Amino acid sequence: MATLKSLEQALREILQDDHKVSKYDAQVLKELILADGKVTREEKLFLERALVDNVFDEKAYEMLSKLLIRQDS
């Protein structure tokens, strides 16, 4: 399980460059989240906030929003 702090730090670092999350950036976040093979409730809450509050390109949004429907929390 990725800690909320590590996910927030990764997102901050991603957004420093161009203030947008690309599909490659989204892959990094996805790998952090799935490191233990599941998506926890806390990770889903992080994703929901991130997807609403930040700019994601279409592929990044699609990739990460799919994690919200996983049933393994």
C-alpha atoms as a PDB file:
ATOM      1  CA  MET A   1       0.000   0.000   0.000  1.00  0.00           C
ATOM      2  CA  ALA A   2       1.304   3.406  -0.934  1.00  0.00           C
ATOM      3  CA  THR A   3       1.073   5.881   1.870  1.00  0.00           C
ATOM      4  CA  LEU A   4      -1.068   8.921   1.336  1.00  0.00           C
ATOM      5  CA  LYS A   5       1.988  11.059   1.990  1.00  0.00           C
ATOM      6  CA  SER A   6       4.031   9.322  -0.728  1.00  0.00           C
ATOM      7  CA  LEU A   7       1.180   9.638  -3.245  1.00  0.00           C
ATOM      8  CA  GLU A   8       0.707  13.317  -2.472  1.00  0.00           C
ATOM      9  CA  GLN A   9       4.455  13.921  -2.772  1.00  0.00           C
ATOM     10  CA  ALA A  10       4.599  12.113  -6.119  1.00  0.00           C
ATOM     11  CA  LEU A  11       1.679  14.160  -7.450  1.00  0.00           C
ATOM     12  CA  ARG A  12       3.294  17.424  -6.280  1.00  0.00           C
ATOM     13  CA  GLU A  13       6.524  16.493  -8.079  1.00  0.00           C
ATOM     14  CA  ILE A  14       4.635  15.596 -11.256  1.00  0.00           C
ATOM     15  CA  LEU A  15       2.718  18.874 -11.247  1.00  0.00           C
ATOM     16  CA  GLN A  16       5.849  21.006 -10.727  1.00  0.00           C
ATOM     17  CA  ASP A  17       6.918  20.689 -14.359  1.00  0.00           C
ATOM     18  CA  ASP A  18       3.934  21.589 -16.495  1.00  0.00           C
ATOM     19  CA  HIS A  19       1.015  21.484 -14.044  1.00  0.00           C
ATOM     20  CA  LYS A  20      -0.502  18.579 -15.959  1.00  0.00           C
ATOM     21  CA  VAL A  21      -0.492  14.811 -15.435  1.00  0.00           C
ATOM     22  CA  SER A  22       0.401  12.835 -18.554  1.00  0.00           C
ATOM     23  CA  LYS A  23      -0.249   9.143 -19.157  1.00  0.00           C
ATOM     24  CA  TYR A  24       3.374   8.454 -18.205  1.00  0.00           C
ATOM     25  CA  ASP A  25       2.956  10.330 -14.927  1.00  0.00           C
ATOM     26  CA  ALA A  26      -0.285   8.451 -14.319  1.00  0.00           C
ATOM     27  CA  GLN A  27       1.565   5.168 -14.811  1.00  0.00           C
ATOM     28  CA  VAL A  28       3.941   6.121 -11.988  1.00  0.00           C
ATOM     29  CA  LEU A  29       1.009   6.874  -9.675  1.00  0.00           C
ATOM     30  CA  LYS A  30      -0.720   3.652 -10.703  1.00  0.00           C
ATOM     31  CA  GLU A  31       2.387   1.602  -9.931  1.00  0.00           C
ATOM     32  CA  LEU A  32       2.680   3.221  -6.499  1.00  0.00           C
ATOM     33  CA  ILE A  33      -0.959   2.456  -5.764  1.00  0.00           C
ATOM     34  CA  LEU A  34      -0.816  -1.127  -7.036  1.00  0.00           C
ATOM     35  CA  ALA A  35       2.499  -1.994  -5.396  1.00  0.00           C
ATOM     36  CA  ASP A  36       0.653  -4.304  -2.996  1.00  0.00           C
ATOM     37  CA  GLY A  37      -1.820  -5.536  -5.621  1.00  0.00           C
ATOM     38  CA  LYS A  38      -4.877  -3.719  -4.331  1.00  0.00           C
ATOM     39  CA  VAL A  39      -6.438  -0.286  -4.096  1.00  0.00           C
ATOM     40  CA  THR A  40      -7.333   0.745  -0.567  1.00  0.00           C
ATOM     41  CA  ARG A  41     -10.125   3.095   0.450  1.00  0.00           C
ATOM     42  CA  GLU A  42      -7.552   5.794   1.251  1.00  0.00           C
ATOM     43  CA  GLU A  43      -5.947   5.417  -2.164  1.00  0.00           C
ATOM     44  CA  LYS A  44      -9.363   5.703  -3.835  1.00  0.00           C
ATOM     45  CA  LEU A  45     -10.091   8.890  -1.881  1.00  0.00           C
ATOM     46  CA  PHE A  46      -6.725  10.290  -2.963  1.00  0.00           C
ATOM     47  CA  LEU A  47      -7.521   9.450  -6.597  1.00  0.00           C
ATOM     48  CA  GLU A  48     -10.962  11.037  -6.424  1.00  0.00           C
ATOM     49  CA  ARG A  49      -9.510  14.286  -5.065  1.00  0.00           C
ATOM     50  CA  ALA A  50      -6.619  14.266  -7.530  1.00  0.00           C
ATOM     51  CA  LEU A  51      -8.871  13.666 -10.532  1.00  0.00           C
ATOM     52  CA  VAL A  52     -11.174  16.521  -9.540  1.00  0.00           C
ATOM     53  CA  ASP A  53      -8.535  19.022  -8.398  1.00  0.00           C
ATOM     54  CA  ASN A  54      -5.820  18.593 -11.054  1.00  0.00           C
ATOM     55  CA  VAL A  55      -5.348  18.609 -14.787  1.00  0.00           C
ATOM     56  CA  PHE A  56      -4.980  15.142 -16.303  1.00  0.00           C
ATOM     57  CA  ASP A  57      -4.673  14.410 -19.979  1.00  0.00           C
ATOM     58  CA  GLU A  58      -7.329  12.085 -21.363  1.00  0.00           C
ATOM     59  CA  LYS A  59      -5.282   8.870 -21.180  1.00  0.00           C
ATOM     60  CA  ALA A  60      -4.066   9.638 -17.650  1.00  0.00           C
ATOM     61  CA  TYR A  61      -7.600  10.325 -16.464  1.00  0.00           C
ATOM     62  CA  GLU A  62      -8.874   7.123 -18.046  1.00  0.00           C
ATOM     63  CA  MET A  63      -6.070   5.017 -16.558  1.00  0.00           C
ATOM     64  CA  LEU A  64      -6.460   6.285 -13.009  1.00  0.00           C
ATOM     65  CA  SER A  65     -10.245   6.489 -12.961  1.00  0.00           C
ATOM     66  CA  LYS A  66     -10.368   2.751 -13.695  1.00  0.00           C
ATOM     67  CA  LEU A  67      -8.678   2.146 -10.344  1.00  0.00           C
ATOM     68  CA  LEU A  68     -11.685   3.679  -8.601  1.00  0.00           C
ATOM     69  CA  ILE A  69     -13.974   0.822  -9.657  1.00  0.00           C
ATOM     70  CA  ARG A  70     -11.729  -1.963  -8.344  1.00  0.00           C
ATOM     71  CA  GLN A  71     -13.394  -4.028  -5.651  1.00  0.00           C
ATOM     72  CA  ASP A  72     -10.308  -5.018  -3.652  1.00  0.00           C
ATOM     73  CA  SER A  73     -10.252  -2.261  -1.043  1.00  0.00           C
END
